[in-house]
Amino acid sequence: MFPLRDDNPTLHTSLVTFAIIGLNALAWFLLQGMGTDPALSRSVCELGAIPGALLGRVVPGTEVALGPGAVCVIGEAPDWYTPLTSMFLHGGWFHIVGNLWFLFVFGDNVEDAMGPLRFAAFYLICGIAAFAAQAFSDPASAIPMVGASGAIGGVMGAYAVLYPRAPVHLLIFLIIYVDRIVVPAVFMLGYWFVLQLLGGAGGEGSVAFWAHVGGFVAGLVLVRPFCVRSRLAAHSSLLSRRARGW
């Protein structure tokens, strides 16, 4: 299932959501060479978050294969800020386009409920929680983590709490069958979360499933403290007026 859009109006311009999308795009073009080496491998190695290195579980000098002909060497002193920088890097076109589309669909309404500064802090904290969850699941991993999906998982968790009945338009693929359906947000987001749990329980792989789980759970827990009641009330009022045809 792939979300196309939601039927959920906003009252304010989504400044931070668009800024985050822009920063990810800039990093992709300026730092990562649009997915081409050596820029891609260098950015992943230098700015990706390596759990084992940050936790002291990987011997400095260890070499990690990133792809054909690309090797990352674990340094003596891993940079503390890499869990932050890793949130703005990606591993391929499908990775970045998929992540930023999910943020575009769900981020505006969550920012609308929090305000720009609160939403920015919420997003970063969810991203850190996502890294912590993945590091806890495999503290000796020497594989660099990159991607905005953990932080976006937090946004999706918040959306599920705030707007569970919001209609989400989905494109579904069943082998050769393609269709478009509309479901409540909580159904689509719950289904996504279960897939991440199953993926994480399935063992090793190239996808950081536990980061997705950690981000989503952080979003569930933190959404209420970060929301602004007056903004939520204004949104509810807007929905009521629309339902009455005003």
Protein backbone atom coordinates (compact mmCIF):
# COMPACT_ATOMS: atom_id res chain seq x y z
CA MET A 1 0.00 0.00 0.00
CA PHE A 2 1.28 3.46 -0.89
CA PRO A 3 -0.41 6.64 0.37
CA LEU A 4 -1.37 9.12 -2.32
CA ARG A 5 -2.92 11.82 -0.14
CA ASP A 6 -5.16 12.39 2.87
CA ASP A 7 -8.40 14.34 3.23
CA ASN A 8 -7.32 16.38 6.23
CA PRO A 9 -7.17 20.19 5.97
CA THR A 10 -4.58 22.38 7.66
CA LEU A 11 -4.90 25.88 9.05
CA HIS A 12 -1.27 26.98 8.83
CA THR A 13 1.55 26.80 6.31
CA SER A 14 3.76 23.76 6.94
CA LEU A 15 7.04 25.64 7.14
CA VAL A 16 9.12 23.03 8.97
CA THR A 17 7.76 20.09 6.98
CA PHE A 18 8.79 21.75 3.73
CA ALA A 19 12.11 22.85 5.25
CA ILE A 20 12.92 19.26 6.25
CA ILE A 21 12.01 18.05 2.77
CA GLY A 22 14.26 20.75 1.32
CA LEU A 23 17.20 19.88 3.58
CA ASN A 24 16.95 16.21 2.65
CA ALA A 25 16.85 17.10 -1.03
CA LEU A 26 19.83 19.46 -0.69
CA ALA A 27 21.85 16.77 1.10
CA TRP A 28 20.96 14.29 -1.64
CA PHE A 29 22.08 16.61 -4.43
CA LEU A 30 25.01 18.41 -2.81
CA LEU A 31 26.51 15.81 -0.45
CA GLN A 32 25.46 12.49 -1.92
CA GLY A 33 25.93 13.09 -5.62
CA MET A 34 22.33 12.04 -6.32
CA GLY A 35 23.24 8.49 -5.34
CA THR A 36 26.51 8.21 -7.24
CA ASP A 37 29.91 7.22 -5.88
CA PRO A 38 32.24 8.32 -4.44
CA ALA A 39 29.98 11.01 -2.96
CA LEU A 40 27.30 8.55 -1.81
CA SER A 41 29.68 6.19 -0.03
CA ARG A 42 31.68 9.02 1.53
CA SER A 43 28.57 10.72 2.91
CA VAL A 44 27.18 7.47 4.32
CA CYS A 45 30.51 6.58 5.93
CA GLU A 46 31.27 10.02 7.37
CA LEU A 47 27.78 11.24 8.32
CA GLY A 48 25.84 8.01 8.82
CA ALA A 49 25.26 6.73 12.36
CA ILE A 50 27.17 3.54 13.18
CA PRO A 51 25.77 1.96 16.37
CA GLY A 52 28.78 -0.20 17.12
CA ALA A 53 31.22 2.68 16.71
CA LEU A 54 29.21 5.10 18.87
CA LEU A 55 28.80 2.48 21.59
CA GLY A 56 32.43 1.35 21.46
CA ARG A 57 31.55 -2.15 20.29
CA VAL A 58 33.47 -2.04 17.00
CA VAL A 59 37.26 -2.02 16.78
CA PRO A 60 38.60 1.14 15.06
CA GLY A 61 39.96 0.33 11.63
CA THR A 62 37.25 -2.23 10.91
CA GLU A 63 36.26 -2.17 7.24
CA VAL A 64 32.60 -2.34 6.23
CA ALA A 65 31.56 -3.01 2.64
CA LEU A 66 28.98 -0.48 1.43
CA GLY A 67 28.70 -1.85 -2.07
CA PRO A 68 30.82 -2.93 -5.04
CA GLY A 69 34.20 -1.26 -4.56
CA ALA A 70 33.00 0.94 -1.68
CA VAL A 71 34.40 0.41 1.82
CA CYS A 72 33.85 2.36 5.04
CA VAL A 73 36.64 2.30 7.64
CA ILE A 74 35.55 2.81 11.25
CA GLY A 75 37.48 5.74 12.73
CA GLU A 76 39.12 6.13 16.12
CA ALA A 77 36.62 8.66 17.44
CA PRO A 78 33.11 8.43 15.95
CA ASP A 79 31.35 11.76 15.69
CA TRP A 80 28.60 12.24 18.29
CA TYR A 81 26.39 14.17 15.88
CA THR A 82 25.97 11.38 13.32
CA PRO A 83 22.57 10.24 14.69
CA LEU A 84 21.37 13.73 13.67
CA THR A 85 23.10 14.00 10.31
CA SER A 86 22.05 10.48 9.36
CA MET A 87 18.41 11.63 9.39
CA PHE A 88 19.06 13.78 6.32
CA LEU A 89 20.89 11.19 4.20
CA HIS A 90 19.60 8.36 2.03
CA GLY A 91 20.87 5.33 0.18
CA GLY A 92 19.06 5.58 -3.16
CA TRP A 93 16.39 7.34 -5.19
CA PHE A 94 13.57 5.05 -4.05
CA HIS A 95 14.68 5.54 -0.43
CA ILE A 96 14.58 9.35 -0.50
CA VAL A 97 11.50 9.75 -2.70
CA GLY A 98 9.48 7.29 -0.61
CA ASN A 99 10.50 8.87 2.70
CA LEU A 100 9.87 12.45 1.64
CA TRP A 101 6.50 11.57 0.12
CA PHE A 102 5.35 10.00 3.41
CA LEU A 103 6.53 13.14 5.23
CA PHE A 104 4.68 15.32 2.71
CA VAL A 105 1.43 13.38 3.21
CA PHE A 106 1.46 13.16 7.01
CA GLY A 107 3.79 15.88 8.25
CA ASP A 108 1.67 18.94 7.52
CA ASN A 109 -1.19 17.97 9.84
CA VAL A 110 1.12 17.00 12.69
CA GLU A 111 2.99 20.30 12.36
CA ASP A 112 -0.38 22.06 12.25
CA ALA A 113 -1.20 20.58 15.66
CA MET A 114 2.16 21.44 17.24
CA GLY A 115 3.39 24.62 15.61
CA PRO A 116 6.71 24.87 13.75
CA LEU A 117 9.20 24.97 16.64
CA ARG A 118 7.56 22.19 18.62
CA PHE A 119 7.27 20.07 15.49
CA ALA A 120 10.96 20.55 14.65
CA ALA A 121 11.95 19.40 18.15
CA PHE A 122 9.48 16.51 18.00
CA TYR A 123 10.85 15.36 14.65
CA LEU A 124 14.47 15.37 15.83
CA ILE A 125 13.67 13.60 19.10
CA CYS A 126 11.77 10.88 17.24
CA GLY A 127 14.77 10.46 14.95
CA ILE A 128 17.10 10.05 17.93
CA ALA A 129 14.68 7.55 19.49
CA ALA A 130 14.65 5.63 16.22
CA PHE A 131 18.45 5.39 16.24
CA ALA A 132 18.40 4.30 19.91
CA ALA A 133 15.92 1.51 19.14
CA GLN A 134 18.00 0.21 16.25
CA ALA A 135 21.22 0.45 18.28
CA PHE A 136 19.59 -1.44 21.16
CA SER A 137 18.53 -4.20 18.77
CA ASP A 138 22.09 -4.61 17.43
CA PRO A 139 24.62 -2.64 19.51
CA ALA A 140 27.62 -4.18 17.75
CA SER A 141 26.47 -3.27 14.24
CA ALA A 142 29.15 -1.67 12.08
CA ILE A 143 26.72 -0.81 9.28
CA PRO A 144 26.06 2.95 8.87
CA MET A 145 22.44 3.97 9.35
CA VAL A 146 20.97 6.63 7.06
CA GLY A 147 17.46 7.76 6.29
CA ALA A 148 14.64 9.96 7.53
CA SER A 149 12.26 7.02 8.00
CA GLY A 150 12.75 6.71 11.77
CA ALA A 151 11.83 10.34 12.38
CA ILE A 152 9.00 10.08 9.84
CA GLY A 153 7.81 6.99 11.72
CA GLY A 154 7.38 9.31 14.70
CA VAL A 155 5.29 11.65 12.56
CA MET A 156 3.14 8.72 11.48
CA GLY A 157 2.67 7.60 15.08
CA ALA A 158 1.56 11.10 16.02
CA TYR A 159 -0.84 11.22 13.07
CA ALA A 160 -2.40 7.92 14.13
CA VAL A 161 -3.16 9.39 17.57
CA LEU A 162 -4.37 12.80 16.38
CA TYR A 163 -6.34 11.88 13.26
CA PRO A 164 -7.19 8.17 13.39
CA ARG A 165 -10.31 8.53 11.22
CA ALA A 166 -8.84 10.87 8.60
CA PRO A 167 -9.41 9.38 5.12
CA VAL A 168 -6.18 8.28 3.42
CA HIS A 169 -6.17 7.50 -0.32
CA LEU A 170 -3.98 4.48 -1.04
CA LEU A 171 -2.60 2.86 -4.14
CA ILE A 172 -2.53 -0.91 -3.65
CA PHE A 173 -0.56 -3.47 -5.64
CA LEU A 174 -1.51 -7.17 -5.76
CA ILE A 175 0.83 -8.85 -8.25
CA ILE A 176 -0.64 -7.46 -11.51
CA TYR A 177 -3.71 -5.88 -9.90
CA VAL A 178 -3.57 -2.18 -9.08
CA ASP A 179 -6.37 -0.25 -7.45
CA ARG A 180 -7.05 2.86 -5.41
CA ILE A 181 -8.89 2.70 -2.09
CA VAL A 182 -9.68 5.02 0.81
CA VAL A 183 -9.18 3.83 4.39
CA PRO A 184 -9.03 5.45 7.86
CA ALA A 185 -5.53 6.65 8.74
CA VAL A 186 -5.30 4.35 11.74
CA PHE A 187 -5.79 1.31 9.48
CA MET A 188 -3.04 2.27 7.05
CA LEU A 189 -0.61 3.39 9.76
CA GLY A 190 -1.34 0.38 11.95
CA TYR A 191 -0.74 -1.94 9.01
CA TRP A 192 2.58 -0.18 8.31
CA PHE A 193 3.62 -0.54 11.96
CA VAL A 194 2.84 -4.27 12.00
CA LEU A 195 4.97 -4.73 8.89
CA GLN A 196 7.89 -3.04 10.64
CA LEU A 197 7.49 -5.30 13.68
CA LEU A 198 7.43 -8.38 11.46
CA GLY A 199 10.44 -7.16 9.52
CA GLY A 200 12.39 -6.51 12.72
CA ALA A 201 11.49 -9.90 14.14
CA GLY A 202 12.61 -11.52 10.91
CA GLY A 203 16.26 -10.90 11.64
CA GLU A 204 19.05 -9.21 9.73
CA GLY A 205 18.56 -7.20 6.57
CA SER A 206 19.38 -3.91 4.90
CA VAL A 207 16.33 -2.13 6.36
CA ALA A 208 16.49 -0.72 9.90
CA PHE A 209 13.04 -1.99 10.91
CA TRP A 210 13.60 -1.39 14.64
CA ALA A 211 14.41 2.24 13.91
CA HIS A 212 10.99 2.54 12.28
CA VAL A 213 9.38 0.88 15.29
CA GLY A 214 11.26 3.09 17.75
CA GLY A 215 10.34 6.25 15.89
CA PHE A 216 6.67 5.28 15.66
CA VAL A 217 6.45 4.44 19.37
CA ALA A 218 8.20 7.71 20.26
CA GLY A 219 5.59 9.54 18.20
CA LEU A 220 2.77 7.76 20.03
CA VAL A 221 4.24 8.71 23.41
CA LEU A 222 5.34 12.28 22.69
CA VAL A 223 2.50 13.57 20.53
CA ARG A 224 0.28 14.82 23.36
CA PRO A 225 2.97 16.78 25.26
CA PHE A 226 4.05 18.48 22.03
CA CYS A 227 0.57 19.39 20.76
CA VAL A 228 -0.99 22.82 21.31
CA ARG A 229 -4.58 22.56 22.52
CA SER A 230 -5.71 25.72 20.79
CA ARG A 231 -4.47 24.41 17.45
CA LEU A 232 -6.25 21.09 17.94
CA ALA A 233 -9.46 22.90 18.87
CA ALA A 234 -9.21 25.11 15.79
CA HIS A 235 -8.73 22.04 13.59
CA SER A 236 -11.75 20.31 15.14
CA SER A 237 -13.80 23.44 14.54
CA LEU A 238 -12.70 23.51 10.90
CA LEU A 239 -13.73 19.88 10.42
CA SER A 240 -17.11 20.59 12.00
CA ARG A 241 -17.74 23.53 9.68
CA ARG A 242 -16.78 21.45 6.66
CA ALA A 243 -19.10 18.64 7.75
CA ARG A 244 -21.97 21.15 7.93
CA GLY A 245 -21.08 22.49 4.49
CA TRP A 246 -19.98 25.93 5.66
